[in-house]
């Protein structure tokens, strides 16, 4: 699933900046946000397992997942648009982050 999310995001960026193929509005608006949380949380899980817990059986607690979702949502959708003219706060991005977090919890946050 991690590799799928990375490849999806890479394909999306390749299309956005190089290929310029038309894609459905739903994908161009929310695919990056949907894939962001599984990628970030997978990297956090790998770091936790390797550097802190030193156990492949470690999984991120649900409270940590909730905190990560809240942090990313507040930062990118509320704080960053206040300071950047190019950033736009979109409540549907928060939903995409939530779906990505739930996908990570369901498929990736498993003992190794």
C-alpha atoms as a PDB file:
ATOM      1  CA  UNK A   1       0.000   0.000   0.000  1.00  0.00           C
ATOM      2  CA  UNK A   2       2.878   2.368   0.794  1.00  0.00           C
ATOM      3  CA  UNK A   3       4.424   1.750  -2.622  1.00  0.00           C
ATOM      4  CA  UNK A   4       1.008   2.171  -4.260  1.00  0.00           C
ATOM      5  CA  UNK A   5       0.541   5.562  -2.573  1.00  0.00           C
ATOM      6  CA  UNK A   6       4.029   6.711  -3.553  1.00  0.00           C
ATOM      7  CA  UNK A   7       3.540   5.583  -7.155  1.00  0.00           C
ATOM      8  CA  UNK A   8       0.101   7.203  -7.337  1.00  0.00           C
ATOM      9  CA  UNK A   9       1.482  10.484  -6.085  1.00  0.00           C
ATOM     10  CA  UNK A  10       4.481  10.295  -8.429  1.00  0.00           C
ATOM     11  CA  UNK A  11       2.206   9.554 -11.408  1.00  0.00           C
ATOM     12  CA  UNK A  12      -0.039  12.435 -10.427  1.00  0.00           C
ATOM     13  CA  UNK A  13       2.939  14.837 -10.230  1.00  0.00           C
ATOM     14  CA  UNK A  14       4.358  13.534 -13.528  1.00  0.00           C
ATOM     15  CA  UNK A  15       1.035  14.174 -15.214  1.00  0.00           C
ATOM     16  CA  UNK A  16       0.661  17.582 -13.566  1.00  0.00           C
ATOM     17  CA  UNK A  17       4.069  18.936 -14.561  1.00  0.00           C
ATOM     18  CA  UNK A  18       5.120  16.923 -17.646  1.00  0.00           C
ATOM     19  CA  UNK A  19       2.369  15.002 -19.427  1.00  0.00           C
ATOM     20  CA  UNK A  20      -0.551  17.420 -18.918  1.00  0.00           C
ATOM     21  CA  UNK A  21      -3.178  14.754 -19.623  1.00  0.00           C
ATOM     22  CA  UNK A  22      -6.718  15.676 -18.617  1.00  0.00           C
ATOM     23  CA  UNK A  23      -7.838  13.969 -15.414  1.00  0.00           C
ATOM     24  CA  UNK A  24     -11.102  14.068 -13.500  1.00  0.00           C
ATOM     25  CA  UNK A  25     -11.392  17.098 -11.206  1.00  0.00           C
ATOM     26  CA  UNK A  26     -11.817  14.866  -8.168  1.00  0.00           C
ATOM     27  CA  UNK A  27      -8.402  13.257  -8.779  1.00  0.00           C
ATOM     28  CA  UNK A  28      -6.556  16.484  -9.512  1.00  0.00           C
ATOM     29  CA  UNK A  29      -7.950  18.130  -6.389  1.00  0.00           C
ATOM     30  CA  UNK A  30      -7.676  15.387  -3.771  1.00  0.00           C
ATOM     31  CA  UNK A  31      -5.397  12.518  -4.869  1.00  0.00           C
ATOM     32  CA  UNK A  32      -2.287  14.122  -3.401  1.00  0.00           C
ATOM     33  CA  UNK A  33      -4.013  14.795  -0.096  1.00  0.00           C
ATOM     34  CA  UNK A  34      -5.405  11.273   0.032  1.00  0.00           C
ATOM     35  CA  UNK A  35      -1.987   9.683  -0.575  1.00  0.00           C
ATOM     36  CA  UNK A  36      -0.100  12.059   1.735  1.00  0.00           C
ATOM     37  CA  UNK A  37      -1.163  10.576   5.050  1.00  0.00           C
ATOM     38  CA  UNK A  38      -0.321   6.919   4.260  1.00  0.00           C
ATOM     39  CA  UNK A  39       3.110   7.999   3.003  1.00  0.00           C
ATOM     40  CA  UNK A  40       3.891  10.238   5.997  1.00  0.00           C
ATOM     41  CA  UNK A  41       2.539   7.789   8.543  1.00  0.00           C
ATOM     42  CA  UNK A  42       4.409   4.858   6.960  1.00  0.00           C
ATOM     43  CA  UNK A  43       7.661   6.791   7.215  1.00  0.00           C
ATOM     44  CA  UNK A  44       6.865   7.698  10.835  1.00  0.00           C
ATOM     45  CA  UNK A  45       6.073   4.063  11.610  1.00  0.00           C
ATOM     46  CA  UNK A  46       9.321   2.879  10.053  1.00  0.00           C
ATOM     47  CA  UNK A  47      11.317   5.453  12.043  1.00  0.00           C
ATOM     48  CA  UNK A  48       9.544   4.501  15.279  1.00  0.00           C
ATOM     49  CA  UNK A  49      10.176   0.818  14.718  1.00  0.00           C
ATOM     50  CA  UNK A  50      13.821   1.251  13.816  1.00  0.00           C
ATOM     51  CA  UNK A  51      14.957   4.047  16.119  1.00  0.00           C
ATOM     52  CA  UNK A  52      12.698   3.994  19.175  1.00  0.00           C
ATOM     53  CA  UNK A  53      10.729   0.812  19.737  1.00  0.00           C
ATOM     54  CA  UNK A  54      13.317  -1.443  18.077  1.00  0.00           C
ATOM     55  CA  UNK A  55      10.498  -3.861  17.330  1.00  0.00           C
ATOM     56  CA  UNK A  56       8.820  -4.775  14.067  1.00  0.00           C
ATOM     57  CA  UNK A  57       5.626  -5.478  16.014  1.00  0.00           C
ATOM     58  CA  UNK A  58       5.164  -1.833  17.011  1.00  0.00           C
ATOM     59  CA  UNK A  59       2.081  -0.110  15.555  1.00  0.00           C
ATOM     60  CA  UNK A  60       1.137   3.547  15.825  1.00  0.00           C
ATOM     61  CA  UNK A  61      -1.581   4.034  18.453  1.00  0.00           C
ATOM     62  CA  UNK A  62      -4.914   5.414  17.266  1.00  0.00           C
ATOM     63  CA  UNK A  63      -4.387   8.586  19.302  1.00  0.00           C
ATOM     64  CA  UNK A  64      -1.167   9.247  17.381  1.00  0.00           C
ATOM     65  CA  UNK A  65      -3.014   8.768  14.089  1.00  0.00           C
ATOM     66  CA  UNK A  66      -5.709  11.200  15.225  1.00  0.00           C
ATOM     67  CA  UNK A  67      -3.052  13.708  16.292  1.00  0.00           C
ATOM     68  CA  UNK A  68      -1.209  13.400  12.963  1.00  0.00           C
ATOM     69  CA  UNK A  69      -4.442  13.913  11.023  1.00  0.00           C
ATOM     70  CA  UNK A  70      -5.365  16.946  13.153  1.00  0.00           C
ATOM     71  CA  UNK A  71      -1.895  18.469  12.871  1.00  0.00           C
ATOM     72  CA  UNK A  72      -1.702  18.099   9.085  1.00  0.00           C
ATOM     73  CA  UNK A  73      -5.271  19.349   8.661  1.00  0.00           C
ATOM     74  CA  UNK A  74      -4.828  22.426  10.848  1.00  0.00           C
ATOM     75  CA  UNK A  75      -1.409  23.303   9.451  1.00  0.00           C
ATOM     76  CA  UNK A  76      -2.154  22.895   5.749  1.00  0.00           C
ATOM     77  CA  UNK A  77      -5.779  24.018   5.726  1.00  0.00           C
ATOM     78  CA  UNK A  78      -5.864  26.777   8.362  1.00  0.00           C
ATOM     79  CA  UNK A  79      -2.398  28.116   9.197  1.00  0.00           C
ATOM     80  CA  UNK A  80      -0.545  27.887   5.866  1.00  0.00           C
ATOM     81  CA  UNK A  81      -3.223  29.726   3.813  1.00  0.00           C
ATOM     82  CA  UNK A  82      -2.977  32.597   6.277  1.00  0.00           C
ATOM     83  CA  UNK A  83       0.731  33.046   5.506  1.00  0.00           C
ATOM     84  CA  UNK A  84       0.905  31.977   1.844  1.00  0.00           C
ATOM     85  CA  UNK A  85      -0.896  33.532  -1.105  1.00  0.00           C
ATOM     86  CA  UNK A  86      -0.675  30.272  -3.070  1.00  0.00           C
ATOM     87  CA  UNK A  87      -2.067  27.974  -0.357  1.00  0.00           C
ATOM     88  CA  UNK A  88      -5.835  27.538  -0.169  1.00  0.00           C
ATOM     89  CA  UNK A  89      -7.754  26.032   2.729  1.00  0.00           C
ATOM     90  CA  UNK A  90     -10.244  23.417   1.555  1.00  0.00           C
ATOM     91  CA  UNK A  91     -12.435  21.445   3.983  1.00  0.00           C
ATOM     92  CA  UNK A  92     -12.579  18.517   1.540  1.00  0.00           C
ATOM     93  CA  UNK A  93      -8.795  18.211   1.881  1.00  0.00           C
ATOM     94  CA  UNK A  94      -9.399  17.500   5.571  1.00  0.00           C
ATOM     95  CA  UNK A  95     -11.743  14.685   4.515  1.00  0.00           C
ATOM     96  CA  UNK A  96      -9.080  13.352   2.113  1.00  0.00           C
ATOM     97  CA  UNK A  97      -6.499  13.388   4.930  1.00  0.00           C
ATOM     98  CA  UNK A  98      -8.975  11.470   7.113  1.00  0.00           C
ATOM     99  CA  UNK A  99      -9.598   8.833   4.439  1.00  0.00           C
ATOM    100  CA  UNK A 100      -5.833   8.459   3.933  1.00  0.00           C
ATOM    101  CA  UNK A 101      -5.319   8.088   7.680  1.00  0.00           C
ATOM    102  CA  UNK A 102      -8.034   5.442   7.887  1.00  0.00           C
ATOM    103  CA  UNK A 103      -6.516   3.603   4.907  1.00  0.00           C
ATOM    104  CA  UNK A 104      -3.142   3.617   6.664  1.00  0.00           C
ATOM    105  CA  UNK A 105      -4.748   2.329   9.865  1.00  0.00           C
ATOM    106  CA  UNK A 106      -6.556  -0.452   8.029  1.00  0.00           C
ATOM    107  CA  UNK A 107      -3.852  -1.678   5.624  1.00  0.00           C
ATOM    108  CA  UNK A 108      -0.447  -0.469   6.804  1.00  0.00           C
ATOM    109  CA  UNK A 109      -0.487  -0.078  10.579  1.00  0.00           C
ATOM    110  CA  UNK A 110       0.064  -3.772  11.232  1.00  0.00           C
ATOM    111  CA  UNK A 111       2.769  -5.629  13.147  1.00  0.00           C
ATOM    112  CA  UNK A 112       5.667  -6.398  10.819  1.00  0.00           C
END
